[in-house]
C-alpha atoms as a PDB file:
ATOM      1  CA  UNK A   1      14.603  -4.747 -32.806  1.00  0.00           C
ATOM      2  CA  UNK A   2      13.509  -1.952 -30.154  1.00  0.00           C
ATOM      3  CA  UNK A   3      10.013  -1.134 -29.343  1.00  0.00           C
ATOM      4  CA  UNK A   4       7.947   2.049 -28.177  1.00  0.00           C
ATOM      5  CA  UNK A   5       6.735   1.495 -24.576  1.00  0.00           C
ATOM      6  CA  UNK A   6       4.115   4.074 -23.176  1.00  0.00           C
ATOM      7  CA  UNK A   7       4.816   4.745 -19.586  1.00  0.00           C
ATOM      8  CA  UNK A   8       2.523   7.531 -17.253  1.00  0.00           C
ATOM      9  CA  UNK A   9       3.423   8.445 -13.931  1.00  0.00           C
ATOM     10  CA  UNK A  10       0.483   8.863 -11.552  1.00  0.00           C
ATOM     11  CA  UNK A  11       0.473  10.406  -7.969  1.00  0.00           C
ATOM     12  CA  UNK A  12      -1.860   7.436  -6.038  1.00  0.00           C
ATOM     13  CA  UNK A  13      -4.264   7.999  -2.942  1.00  0.00           C
ATOM     14  CA  UNK A  14      -4.572  11.889  -4.010  1.00  0.00           C
ATOM     15  CA  UNK A  15      -6.463  13.673  -6.526  1.00  0.00           C
ATOM     16  CA  UNK A  16      -3.860  16.479  -5.833  1.00  0.00           C
ATOM     17  CA  UNK A  17      -0.854  16.706  -8.046  1.00  0.00           C
ATOM     18  CA  UNK A  18       2.577  16.313  -6.419  1.00  0.00           C
ATOM     19  CA  UNK A  19       1.290  14.713  -3.307  1.00  0.00           C
ATOM     20  CA  UNK A  20       0.282  10.845  -2.400  1.00  0.00           C
ATOM     21  CA  UNK A  21       2.620   7.954  -3.786  1.00  0.00           C
ATOM     22  CA  UNK A  22       4.488   8.668  -7.384  1.00  0.00           C
ATOM     23  CA  UNK A  23       4.456   5.396  -9.307  1.00  0.00           C
ATOM     24  CA  UNK A  24       5.190   4.960 -12.419  1.00  0.00           C
ATOM     25  CA  UNK A  25       2.504   2.979 -15.037  1.00  0.00           C
ATOM     26  CA  UNK A  26       3.752   0.729 -18.431  1.00  0.00           C
ATOM     27  CA  UNK A  27       1.233   0.204 -20.670  1.00  0.00           C
ATOM     28  CA  UNK A  28       0.892  -2.862 -23.483  1.00  0.00           C
ATOM     29  CA  UNK A  29       4.182  -4.403 -21.441  1.00  0.00           C
ATOM     30  CA  UNK A  30       4.552  -8.207 -23.089  1.00  0.00           C
ATOM     31  CA  UNK A  31       7.035  -7.782 -24.763  1.00  0.00           C
ATOM     32  CA  UNK A  32       9.839  -6.200 -22.137  1.00  0.00           C
ATOM     33  CA  UNK A  33      12.294  -9.187 -20.480  1.00  0.00           C
ATOM     34  CA  UNK A  34      12.400  -9.083 -17.332  1.00  0.00           C
ATOM     35  CA  UNK A  35      15.864  -7.061 -17.248  1.00  0.00           C
ATOM     36  CA  UNK A  36      14.686  -3.983 -19.246  1.00  0.00           C
ATOM     37  CA  UNK A  37      11.575  -4.431 -16.710  1.00  0.00           C
ATOM     38  CA  UNK A  38      14.412  -3.823 -14.225  1.00  0.00           C
ATOM     39  CA  UNK A  39      16.260  -1.100 -16.174  1.00  0.00           C
ATOM     40  CA  UNK A  40      13.096   0.561 -16.622  1.00  0.00           C
ATOM     41  CA  UNK A  41      12.706   0.851 -13.144  1.00  0.00           C
ATOM     42  CA  UNK A  42      15.304   2.107 -12.008  1.00  0.00           C
ATOM     43  CA  UNK A  43      15.234   5.394 -14.468  1.00  0.00           C
ATOM     44  CA  UNK A  44      12.216   5.976 -13.710  1.00  0.00           C
ATOM     45  CA  UNK A  45      13.230   6.044 -10.148  1.00  0.00           C
ATOM     46  CA  UNK A  46       9.903   5.487  -7.981  1.00  0.00           C
ATOM     47  CA  UNK A  47       9.991   3.364  -5.244  1.00  0.00           C
ATOM     48  CA  UNK A  48       7.902   0.918  -7.655  1.00  0.00           C
ATOM     49  CA  UNK A  49       7.100   1.074 -11.156  1.00  0.00           C
ATOM     50  CA  UNK A  50       3.889  -1.138 -11.863  1.00  0.00           C
ATOM     51  CA  UNK A  51       3.789  -2.986 -15.703  1.00  0.00           C
ATOM     52  CA  UNK A  52       0.474  -4.192 -17.038  1.00  0.00           C
ATOM     53  CA  UNK A  53       0.182  -6.885 -19.463  1.00  0.00           C
ATOM     54  CA  UNK A  54      -2.350  -9.105 -21.241  1.00  0.00           C
ATOM     55  CA  UNK A  55      -4.257 -12.307 -19.119  1.00  0.00           C
ATOM     56  CA  UNK A  56      -2.588 -15.634 -19.524  1.00  0.00           C
ATOM     57  CA  UNK A  57      -5.347 -17.667 -18.496  1.00  0.00           C
ATOM     58  CA  UNK A  58      -9.258 -17.285 -18.440  1.00  0.00           C
ATOM     59  CA  UNK A  59      -9.234 -16.413 -14.638  1.00  0.00           C
ATOM     60  CA  UNK A  60      -8.104 -13.239 -14.783  1.00  0.00           C
ATOM     61  CA  UNK A  61      -8.537 -10.175 -17.126  1.00  0.00           C
ATOM     62  CA  UNK A  62      -4.886  -8.484 -17.268  1.00  0.00           C
ATOM     63  CA  UNK A  63      -1.688  -8.948 -15.260  1.00  0.00           C
ATOM     64  CA  UNK A  64       0.463  -6.925 -13.692  1.00  0.00           C
ATOM     65  CA  UNK A  65       4.197  -6.958 -12.456  1.00  0.00           C
ATOM     66  CA  UNK A  66       6.316  -4.607  -9.547  1.00  0.00           C
ATOM     67  CA  UNK A  67       9.508  -3.581 -10.072  1.00  0.00           C
ATOM     68  CA  UNK A  68      11.109  -1.740  -7.804  1.00  0.00           C
ATOM     69  CA  UNK A  69      14.524  -0.196  -8.805  1.00  0.00           C
ATOM     70  CA  UNK A  70      15.997  -3.170  -7.541  1.00  0.00           C
ATOM     71  CA  UNK A  71      13.734  -6.338  -7.290  1.00  0.00           C
ATOM     72  CA  UNK A  72      10.340  -7.961  -8.535  1.00  0.00           C
ATOM     73  CA  UNK A  73       7.877  -7.307  -5.286  1.00  0.00           C
ATOM     74  CA  UNK A  74       4.738  -9.858  -5.701  1.00  0.00           C
ATOM     75  CA  UNK A  75       2.008  -6.760  -5.414  1.00  0.00           C
ATOM     76  CA  UNK A  76       1.813  -2.968  -4.573  1.00  0.00           C
ATOM     77  CA  UNK A  77      -1.681  -1.040  -3.395  1.00  0.00           C
ATOM     78  CA  UNK A  78      -1.010   2.356  -4.773  1.00  0.00           C
ATOM     79  CA  UNK A  79       0.690   0.900  -7.982  1.00  0.00           C
ATOM     80  CA  UNK A  80      -2.509  -1.131  -8.461  1.00  0.00           C
ATOM     81  CA  UNK A  81      -4.473   2.082  -7.706  1.00  0.00           C
ATOM     82  CA  UNK A  82      -2.471   3.891 -10.461  1.00  0.00           C
ATOM     83  CA  UNK A  83      -2.321   1.454 -13.074  1.00  0.00           C
ATOM     84  CA  UNK A  84      -6.212   0.579 -12.764  1.00  0.00           C
ATOM     85  CA  UNK A  85      -6.764   4.017 -12.675  1.00  0.00           C
ATOM     86  CA  UNK A  86      -4.466   4.709 -15.951  1.00  0.00           C
ATOM     87  CA  UNK A  87      -6.691   1.542 -17.452  1.00  0.00           C
ATOM     88  CA  UNK A  88      -9.572   2.746 -16.227  1.00  0.00           C
ATOM     89  CA  UNK A  89      -9.574   6.183 -18.755  1.00  0.00           C
ATOM     90  CA  UNK A  90     -11.982   5.734 -21.654  1.00  0.00           C
ATOM     91  CA  UNK A  91     -15.276   5.643 -20.830  1.00  0.00           C
ATOM     92  CA  UNK A  92     -15.548   1.738 -22.714  1.00  0.00           C
ATOM     93  CA  UNK A  93     -12.822   0.629 -19.904  1.00  0.00           C
ATOM     94  CA  UNK A  94     -14.841  -2.449 -18.136  1.00  0.00           C
ATOM     95  CA  UNK A  95     -15.436  -1.265 -14.141  1.00  0.00           C
ATOM     96  CA  UNK A  96     -14.822  -4.607 -12.772  1.00  0.00           C
ATOM     97  CA  UNK A  97     -11.163  -6.591 -13.756  1.00  0.00           C
ATOM     98  CA  UNK A  98      -9.360  -9.061 -12.188  1.00  0.00           C
ATOM     99  CA  UNK A  99      -5.770  -8.531 -12.113  1.00  0.00           C
ATOM    100  CA  UNK A 100      -3.059 -11.168 -11.719  1.00  0.00           C
ATOM    101  CA  UNK A 101       0.374 -10.911 -10.246  1.00  0.00           C
ATOM    102  CA  UNK A 102       3.124 -13.186  -8.097  1.00  0.00           C
ATOM    103  CA  UNK A 103       0.960 -12.652  -5.342  1.00  0.00           C
ATOM    104  CA  UNK A 104      -2.365 -14.096  -6.947  1.00  0.00           C
ATOM    105  CA  UNK A 105      -5.429 -12.527  -8.081  1.00  0.00           C
ATOM    106  CA  UNK A 106      -6.990  -9.569  -6.744  1.00  0.00           C
ATOM    107  CA  UNK A 107     -10.269  -8.227  -8.153  1.00  0.00           C
ATOM    108  CA  UNK A 108     -10.889  -4.124  -9.157  1.00  0.00           C
ATOM    109  CA  UNK A 109     -13.957  -1.736  -9.495  1.00  0.00           C
ATOM    110  CA  UNK A 110     -13.723   1.766 -10.776  1.00  0.00           C
ATOM    111  CA  UNK A 111     -15.976   3.428  -8.665  1.00  0.00           C
ATOM    112  CA  UNK A 112     -17.797   7.207  -9.514  1.00  0.00           C
ATOM    113  CA  UNK A 113     -16.384   8.183 -13.459  1.00  0.00           C
ATOM    114  CA  UNK A 114     -14.156  11.476 -14.154  1.00  0.00           C
ATOM    115  CA  UNK A 115     -11.469  12.514 -12.496  1.00  0.00           C
ATOM    116  CA  UNK A 116     -12.979  11.892  -9.328  1.00  0.00           C
ATOM    117  CA  UNK A 117     -13.025   8.283  -9.845  1.00  0.00           C
ATOM    118  CA  UNK A 118     -11.615   5.733  -7.433  1.00  0.00           C
ATOM    119  CA  UNK A 119     -10.147   2.558  -7.374  1.00  0.00           C
ATOM    120  CA  UNK A 120     -10.996  -0.205  -4.907  1.00  0.00           C
ATOM    121  CA  UNK A 121      -9.091  -3.189  -4.800  1.00  0.00           C
ATOM    122  CA  UNK A 122     -10.481  -6.223  -3.055  1.00  0.00           C
ATOM    123  CA  UNK A 123      -7.562  -8.573  -1.373  1.00  0.00           C
ATOM    124  CA  UNK A 124      -8.705 -12.147   1.222  1.00  0.00           C
ATOM    125  CA  UNK A 125      -8.135 -11.219   5.029  1.00  0.00           C
ATOM    126  CA  UNK A 126      -4.596 -11.383   5.690  1.00  0.00           C
ATOM    127  CA  UNK A 127      -3.078 -12.873   8.402  1.00  0.00           C
ATOM    128  CA  UNK A 128      -1.646 -11.977  11.363  1.00  0.00           C
ATOM    129  CA  UNK A 129       1.495 -12.989  12.223  1.00  0.00           C
ATOM    130  CA  UNK A 130       3.214 -12.615  16.208  1.00  0.00           C
ATOM    131  CA  UNK A 131       3.572 -10.413  18.373  1.00  0.00           C
ATOM    132  CA  UNK A 132       7.076  -8.703  19.353  1.00  0.00           C
ATOM    133  CA  UNK A 133       8.910 -10.625  22.733  1.00  0.00           C
ATOM    134  CA  UNK A 134       9.847  -7.698  24.996  1.00  0.00           C
ATOM    135  CA  UNK A 135      13.703  -7.923  23.645  1.00  0.00           C
ATOM    136  CA  UNK A 136      11.922  -6.873  20.086  1.00  0.00           C
ATOM    137  CA  UNK A 137       9.637  -4.441  21.311  1.00  0.00           C
ATOM    138  CA  UNK A 138      12.211  -2.610  23.104  1.00  0.00           C
ATOM    139  CA  UNK A 139      14.900  -3.059  20.017  1.00  0.00           C
ATOM    140  CA  UNK A 140      12.511  -1.425  17.656  1.00  0.00           C
ATOM    141  CA  UNK A 141      10.715   1.451  20.003  1.00  0.00           C
ATOM    142  CA  UNK A 142      14.473   2.767  20.641  1.00  0.00           C
ATOM    143  CA  UNK A 143      15.217   1.987  16.315  1.00  0.00           C
ATOM    144  CA  UNK A 144      12.510   4.647  16.504  1.00  0.00           C
ATOM    145  CA  UNK A 145      13.278   6.906  18.850  1.00  0.00           C
ATOM    146  CA  UNK A 146       9.733   6.242  20.714  1.00  0.00           C
ATOM    147  CA  UNK A 147       8.853   5.957  24.544  1.00  0.00           C
ATOM    148  CA  UNK A 148       7.151   3.063  25.770  1.00  0.00           C
ATOM    149  CA  UNK A 149       4.918   5.059  27.143  1.00  0.00           C
ATOM    150  CA  UNK A 150       3.871   6.553  23.514  1.00  0.00           C
ATOM    151  CA  UNK A 151       2.732   3.176  22.944  1.00  0.00           C
ATOM    152  CA  UNK A 152      -1.275   3.100  23.227  1.00  0.00           C
ATOM    153  CA  UNK A 153      -1.783   0.031  25.057  1.00  0.00           C
ATOM    154  CA  UNK A 154      -4.978  -1.331  23.584  1.00  0.00           C
ATOM    155  CA  UNK A 155      -2.408  -2.441  20.475  1.00  0.00           C
ATOM    156  CA  UNK A 156       0.355  -4.518  20.980  1.00  0.00           C
ATOM    157  CA  UNK A 157       3.238  -4.261  18.753  1.00  0.00           C
ATOM    158  CA  UNK A 158       2.191  -6.884  16.049  1.00  0.00           C
ATOM    159  CA  UNK A 159       3.142  -8.494  12.595  1.00  0.00           C
ATOM    160  CA  UNK A 160       1.004  -8.615   9.612  1.00  0.00           C
ATOM    161  CA  UNK A 161       1.061 -10.041   6.452  1.00  0.00           C
ATOM    162  CA  UNK A 162       2.743 -12.655   4.777  1.00  0.00           C
ATOM    163  CA  UNK A 163       5.009 -12.493   2.321  1.00  0.00           C
ATOM    164  CA  UNK A 164       5.295  -8.313   2.397  1.00  0.00           C
ATOM    165  CA  UNK A 165       5.008  -8.889   6.575  1.00  0.00           C
ATOM    166  CA  UNK A 166       4.569  -4.973   8.384  1.00  0.00           C
ATOM    167  CA  UNK A 167       5.124  -4.788  11.694  1.00  0.00           C
ATOM    168  CA  UNK A 168       2.285  -2.765  12.800  1.00  0.00           C
ATOM    169  CA  UNK A 169       2.800  -0.033  16.125  1.00  0.00           C
ATOM    170  CA  UNK A 170      -0.284   1.885  17.610  1.00  0.00           C
ATOM    171  CA  UNK A 171       0.455   4.677  19.071  1.00  0.00           C
ATOM    172  CA  UNK A 172      -1.238   7.284  21.305  1.00  0.00           C
ATOM    173  CA  UNK A 173      -1.988  10.718  19.209  1.00  0.00           C
ATOM    174  CA  UNK A 174      -0.412  12.334  16.578  1.00  0.00           C
ATOM    175  CA  UNK A 175       2.805  13.954  18.954  1.00  0.00           C
ATOM    176  CA  UNK A 176       4.639  10.936  18.672  1.00  0.00           C
ATOM    177  CA  UNK A 177       4.121  10.606  15.140  1.00  0.00           C
ATOM    178  CA  UNK A 178       5.610  13.783  14.535  1.00  0.00           C
ATOM    179  CA  UNK A 179       8.734  13.264  16.669  1.00  0.00           C
ATOM    180  CA  UNK A 180      10.033   9.317  14.913  1.00  0.00           C
ATOM    181  CA  UNK A 181      13.872   9.588  14.635  1.00  0.00           C
ATOM    182  CA  UNK A 182      14.166   6.374  12.787  1.00  0.00           C
ATOM    183  CA  UNK A 183      17.617   5.155  13.078  1.00  0.00           C
ATOM    184  CA  UNK A 184      17.810   3.159   9.041  1.00  0.00           C
ATOM    185  CA  UNK A 185      20.236   1.087   9.704  1.00  0.00           C
ATOM    186  CA  UNK A 186      19.184  -0.622  12.962  1.00  0.00           C
ATOM    187  CA  UNK A 187      15.756  -0.694  11.537  1.00  0.00           C
ATOM    188  CA  UNK A 188      17.243  -2.848   8.348  1.00  0.00           C
ATOM    189  CA  UNK A 189      18.991  -5.074  10.491  1.00  0.00           C
ATOM    190  CA  UNK A 190      15.808  -5.428  12.520  1.00  0.00           C
ATOM    191  CA  UNK A 191      13.560  -6.178   9.534  1.00  0.00           C
ATOM    192  CA  UNK A 192      15.524  -9.041   8.620  1.00  0.00           C
ATOM    193  CA  UNK A 193      15.597 -10.423  12.814  1.00  0.00           C
ATOM    194  CA  UNK A 194      11.845  -9.470  13.106  1.00  0.00           C
ATOM    195  CA  UNK A 195      10.830 -11.172   9.440  1.00  0.00           C
ATOM    196  CA  UNK A 196       9.287  -7.891   8.529  1.00  0.00           C
ATOM    197  CA  UNK A 197       9.806  -5.913   5.804  1.00  0.00           C
ATOM    198  CA  UNK A 198       8.129  -2.692   7.243  1.00  0.00           C
ATOM    199  CA  UNK A 199       6.838  -0.267  10.331  1.00  0.00           C
ATOM    200  CA  UNK A 200       3.603   1.340  10.353  1.00  0.00           C
ATOM    201  CA  UNK A 201       3.172   2.874  12.832  1.00  0.00           C
ATOM    202  CA  UNK A 202      -0.027   4.513  13.725  1.00  0.00           C
ATOM    203  CA  UNK A 203      -2.767   6.543  15.431  1.00  0.00           C
ATOM    204  CA  UNK A 204      -6.334   6.142  16.029  1.00  0.00           C
ATOM    205  CA  UNK A 205      -8.745   9.249  16.474  1.00  0.00           C
ATOM    206  CA  UNK A 206     -12.235   9.556  16.571  1.00  0.00           C
ATOM    207  CA  UNK A 207     -14.912   7.777  14.862  1.00  0.00           C
ATOM    208  CA  UNK A 208     -17.110  10.432  12.751  1.00  0.00           C
ATOM    209  CA  UNK A 209     -13.709  12.521  12.225  1.00  0.00           C
ATOM    210  CA  UNK A 210     -12.614  13.443   8.447  1.00  0.00           C
ATOM    211  CA  UNK A 211     -10.307  10.118   9.417  1.00  0.00           C
ATOM    212  CA  UNK A 212      -9.719   8.023  11.568  1.00  0.00           C
ATOM    213  CA  UNK A 213      -6.314   6.936  11.240  1.00  0.00           C
ATOM    214  CA  UNK A 214      -3.015   8.806  10.706  1.00  0.00           C
ATOM    215  CA  UNK A 215       0.108   6.999   9.993  1.00  0.00           C
ATOM    216  CA  UNK A 216       3.957   6.561   9.114  1.00  0.00           C
ATOM    217  CA  UNK A 217       5.574   3.569   7.178  1.00  0.00           C
ATOM    218  CA  UNK A 218       9.246   3.025   7.124  1.00  0.00           C
ATOM    219  CA  UNK A 219      10.046  -0.292   4.489  1.00  0.00           C
ATOM    220  CA  UNK A 220      14.237  -0.363   4.625  1.00  0.00           C
ATOM    221  CA  UNK A 221      14.330  -4.202   3.831  1.00  0.00           C
ATOM    222  CA  UNK A 222      12.578  -2.642   0.445  1.00  0.00           C
ATOM    223  CA  UNK A 223      14.809   0.490  -0.369  1.00  0.00           C
ATOM    224  CA  UNK A 224      11.881   2.558   1.308  1.00  0.00           C
ATOM    225  CA  UNK A 225      12.901   5.004   3.792  1.00  0.00           C
ATOM    226  CA  UNK A 226       9.525   6.696   4.404  1.00  0.00           C
ATOM    227  CA  UNK A 227       6.566   5.232   2.592  1.00  0.00           C
ATOM    228  CA  UNK A 228       4.558   8.628   1.791  1.00  0.00           C
ATOM    229  CA  UNK A 229       0.798   6.318   1.171  1.00  0.00           C
ATOM    230  CA  UNK A 230       0.831   2.790   2.136  1.00  0.00           C
ATOM    231  CA  UNK A 231      -2.559   0.962   0.625  1.00  0.00           C
ATOM    232  CA  UNK A 232      -1.390  -2.357   1.726  1.00  0.00           C
ATOM    233  CA  UNK A 233      -0.497  -1.597   5.228  1.00  0.00           C
ATOM    234  CA  UNK A 234      -4.019   0.364   5.634  1.00  0.00           C
ATOM    235  CA  UNK A 235      -6.067  -3.195   5.143  1.00  0.00           C
ATOM    236  CA  UNK A 236      -3.038  -5.012   7.318  1.00  0.00           C
ATOM    237  CA  UNK A 237      -4.553  -2.401   9.932  1.00  0.00           C
ATOM    238  CA  UNK A 238      -7.902  -2.947   9.107  1.00  0.00           C
ATOM    239  CA  UNK A 239      -7.521  -6.878   9.925  1.00  0.00           C
ATOM    240  CA  UNK A 240      -6.181  -6.494  12.919  1.00  0.00           C
ATOM    241  CA  UNK A 241      -8.168  -3.227  14.455  1.00  0.00           C
ATOM    242  CA  UNK A 242     -10.789  -6.170  13.744  1.00  0.00           C
ATOM    243  CA  UNK A 243      -9.582  -8.556  15.820  1.00  0.00           C
ATOM    244  CA  UNK A 244      -9.067  -6.246  18.543  1.00  0.00           C
ATOM    245  CA  UNK A 245     -12.295  -5.073  17.816  1.00  0.00           C
ATOM    246  CA  UNK A 246     -11.544  -1.543  17.579  1.00  0.00           C
ATOM    247  CA  UNK A 247     -14.249  -1.184  14.679  1.00  0.00           C
ATOM    248  CA  UNK A 248     -17.774  -1.967  14.674  1.00  0.00           C
ATOM    249  CA  UNK A 249     -19.193  -3.801  11.522  1.00  0.00           C
ATOM    250  CA  UNK A 250     -22.717  -2.760  10.584  1.00  0.00           C
ATOM    251  CA  UNK A 251     -24.794  -4.725   8.159  1.00  0.00           C
ATOM    252  CA  UNK A 252     -21.284  -7.079   8.103  1.00  0.00           C
ATOM    253  CA  UNK A 253     -19.523  -4.533   6.923  1.00  0.00           C
ATOM    254  CA  UNK A 254     -16.613  -1.489   8.849  1.00  0.00           C
ATOM    255  CA  UNK A 255     -14.696   1.093   7.524  1.00  0.00           C
ATOM    256  CA  UNK A 256     -12.213   3.435   8.580  1.00  0.00           C
ATOM    257  CA  UNK A 257     -10.390   6.076   6.053  1.00  0.00           C
ATOM    258  CA  UNK A 258      -6.500   6.562   7.095  1.00  0.00           C
ATOM    259  CA  UNK A 259      -4.280   9.625   6.408  1.00  0.00           C
ATOM    260  CA  UNK A 260      -0.498   9.405   5.995  1.00  0.00           C
ATOM    261  CA  UNK A 261       2.507  11.378   4.182  1.00  0.00           C
ATOM    262  CA  UNK A 262       2.158  14.726   5.541  1.00  0.00           C
ATOM    263  CA  UNK A 263       5.645  14.586   6.594  1.00  0.00           C
ATOM    264  CA  UNK A 264       7.380  13.373   3.749  1.00  0.00           C
ATOM    265  CA  UNK A 265       5.187  16.783   1.980  1.00  0.00           C
ATOM    266  CA  UNK A 266       3.396  14.268   0.323  1.00  0.00           C
ATOM    267  CA  UNK A 267      -0.279  13.920   1.678  1.00  0.00           C
ATOM    268  CA  UNK A 268      -2.721  11.606   0.615  1.00  0.00           C
ATOM    269  CA  UNK A 269      -5.737   9.228   1.992  1.00  0.00           C
ATOM    270  CA  UNK A 270      -6.615   5.460   1.671  1.00  0.00           C
ATOM    271  CA  UNK A 271     -10.088   4.251   2.311  1.00  0.00           C
ATOM    272  CA  UNK A 272     -10.968   0.965   3.640  1.00  0.00           C
ATOM    273  CA  UNK A 273     -13.419  -1.003   3.990  1.00  0.00           C
ATOM    274  CA  UNK A 274     -13.763  -4.282   5.734  1.00  0.00           C
ATOM    275  CA  UNK A 275     -16.415  -7.530   4.888  1.00  0.00           C
ATOM    276  CA  UNK A 276     -17.239  -9.830   7.427  1.00  0.00           C
ATOM    277  CA  UNK A 277     -19.688 -12.619   7.274  1.00  0.00           C
ATOM    278  CA  UNK A 278     -21.269 -14.046  10.789  1.00  0.00           C
ATOM    279  CA  UNK A 279     -18.568 -12.267  11.919  1.00  0.00           C
ATOM    280  CA  UNK A 280     -15.738 -13.578  11.116  1.00  0.00           C
ATOM    281  CA  UNK A 281     -13.403 -11.361   7.969  1.00  0.00           C
ATOM    282  CA  UNK A 282     -13.801 -12.450   4.942  1.00  0.00           C
ATOM    283  CA  UNK A 283     -12.284  -9.533   2.804  1.00  0.00           C
ATOM    284  CA  UNK A 284     -10.528  -6.375   2.872  1.00  0.00           C
ATOM    285  CA  UNK A 285     -10.957  -3.490   0.215  1.00  0.00           C
ATOM    286  CA  UNK A 286      -8.215  -0.984  -0.567  1.00  0.00           C
ATOM    287  CA  UNK A 287      -9.768   1.896  -2.441  1.00  0.00           C
ATOM    288  CA  UNK A 288      -7.943   5.631  -3.588  1.00  0.00           C
ATOM    289  CA  UNK A 289      -8.172   8.106  -5.876  1.00  0.00           C
ATOM    290  CA  UNK A 290      -5.505   9.103  -8.592  1.00  0.00           C
ATOM    291  CA  UNK A 291      -4.220  11.775 -10.521  1.00  0.00           C
ATOM    292  CA  UNK A 292      -1.712  11.531 -13.841  1.00  0.00           C
ATOM    293  CA  UNK A 293       1.139  13.901 -13.549  1.00  0.00           C
ATOM    294  CA  UNK A 294       2.050  13.159 -17.218  1.00  0.00           C
ATOM    295  CA  UNK A 295       2.353  10.370 -20.298  1.00  0.00           C
ATOM    296  CA  UNK A 296       5.523   9.784 -22.324  1.00  0.00           C
ATOM    297  CA  UNK A 297       6.872   7.303 -24.741  1.00  0.00           C
ATOM    298  CA  UNK A 298      10.773   5.191 -24.688  1.00  0.00           C
ATOM    299  CA  UNK A 299      12.076   3.353 -27.020  1.00  0.00           C
ATOM    300  CA  UNK A 300      14.126   0.172 -25.999  1.00  0.00           C
END
């Protein structure tokens, strides 16, 4: 039996075509098998493809599954932005959704209207893991061709997140970011040893500027040499900066903007909002825009 699926190619965390993080979005994917989803993801050859399915319980309104060309993963921030942007095309589309995936349920809001609307994703405060020991830190720095003197002394390299953990590495200014020369094979080996699927290298700018964070990310364990724009990593960073008190809450909220992707010619922007109760971080909102590149159909 053949079936036709609707596919959208979307750039997330941007409003400029051919920038940001590209992803495929497959609607009404309920009839597809796991093997077919993987085959479609492999054919589209984005870092991740989102497959949208009907809800299967009363605690959520929509389901999403995320596939790389190699395997299924639990949750992807930019693919959620892309998928929810597509779902919000129509004027009568819901402004709020609860999206279930293998990583759990997230709340999603559509903010604004028309082509300039943005998608905001709320996740519980992520766990912060351990700092690296001296041997691990030196090995990672060597694999990135990063000098110890380039590290931001306020921010120790630290693993953050659950199943999709990243190593957060703060550096002093944009120059160290520009001159990174990652040894992909060594970083892949280190990922297995450290228990972190990716390396999020960032620098903090001035409060009140157009953006407060500039970053790069290398995610070799997922088959991504350099990720253009990562919403999830920015959320992890928000939790770490809050713990270090490098973000100042106002009325139980804090906010920062991050830019990423300029070194792979796909610049994008992530907005991060943090919610606090009595000084404790409750949740992280990741927010971004998107632009659709094309829509097509595929018969399987």
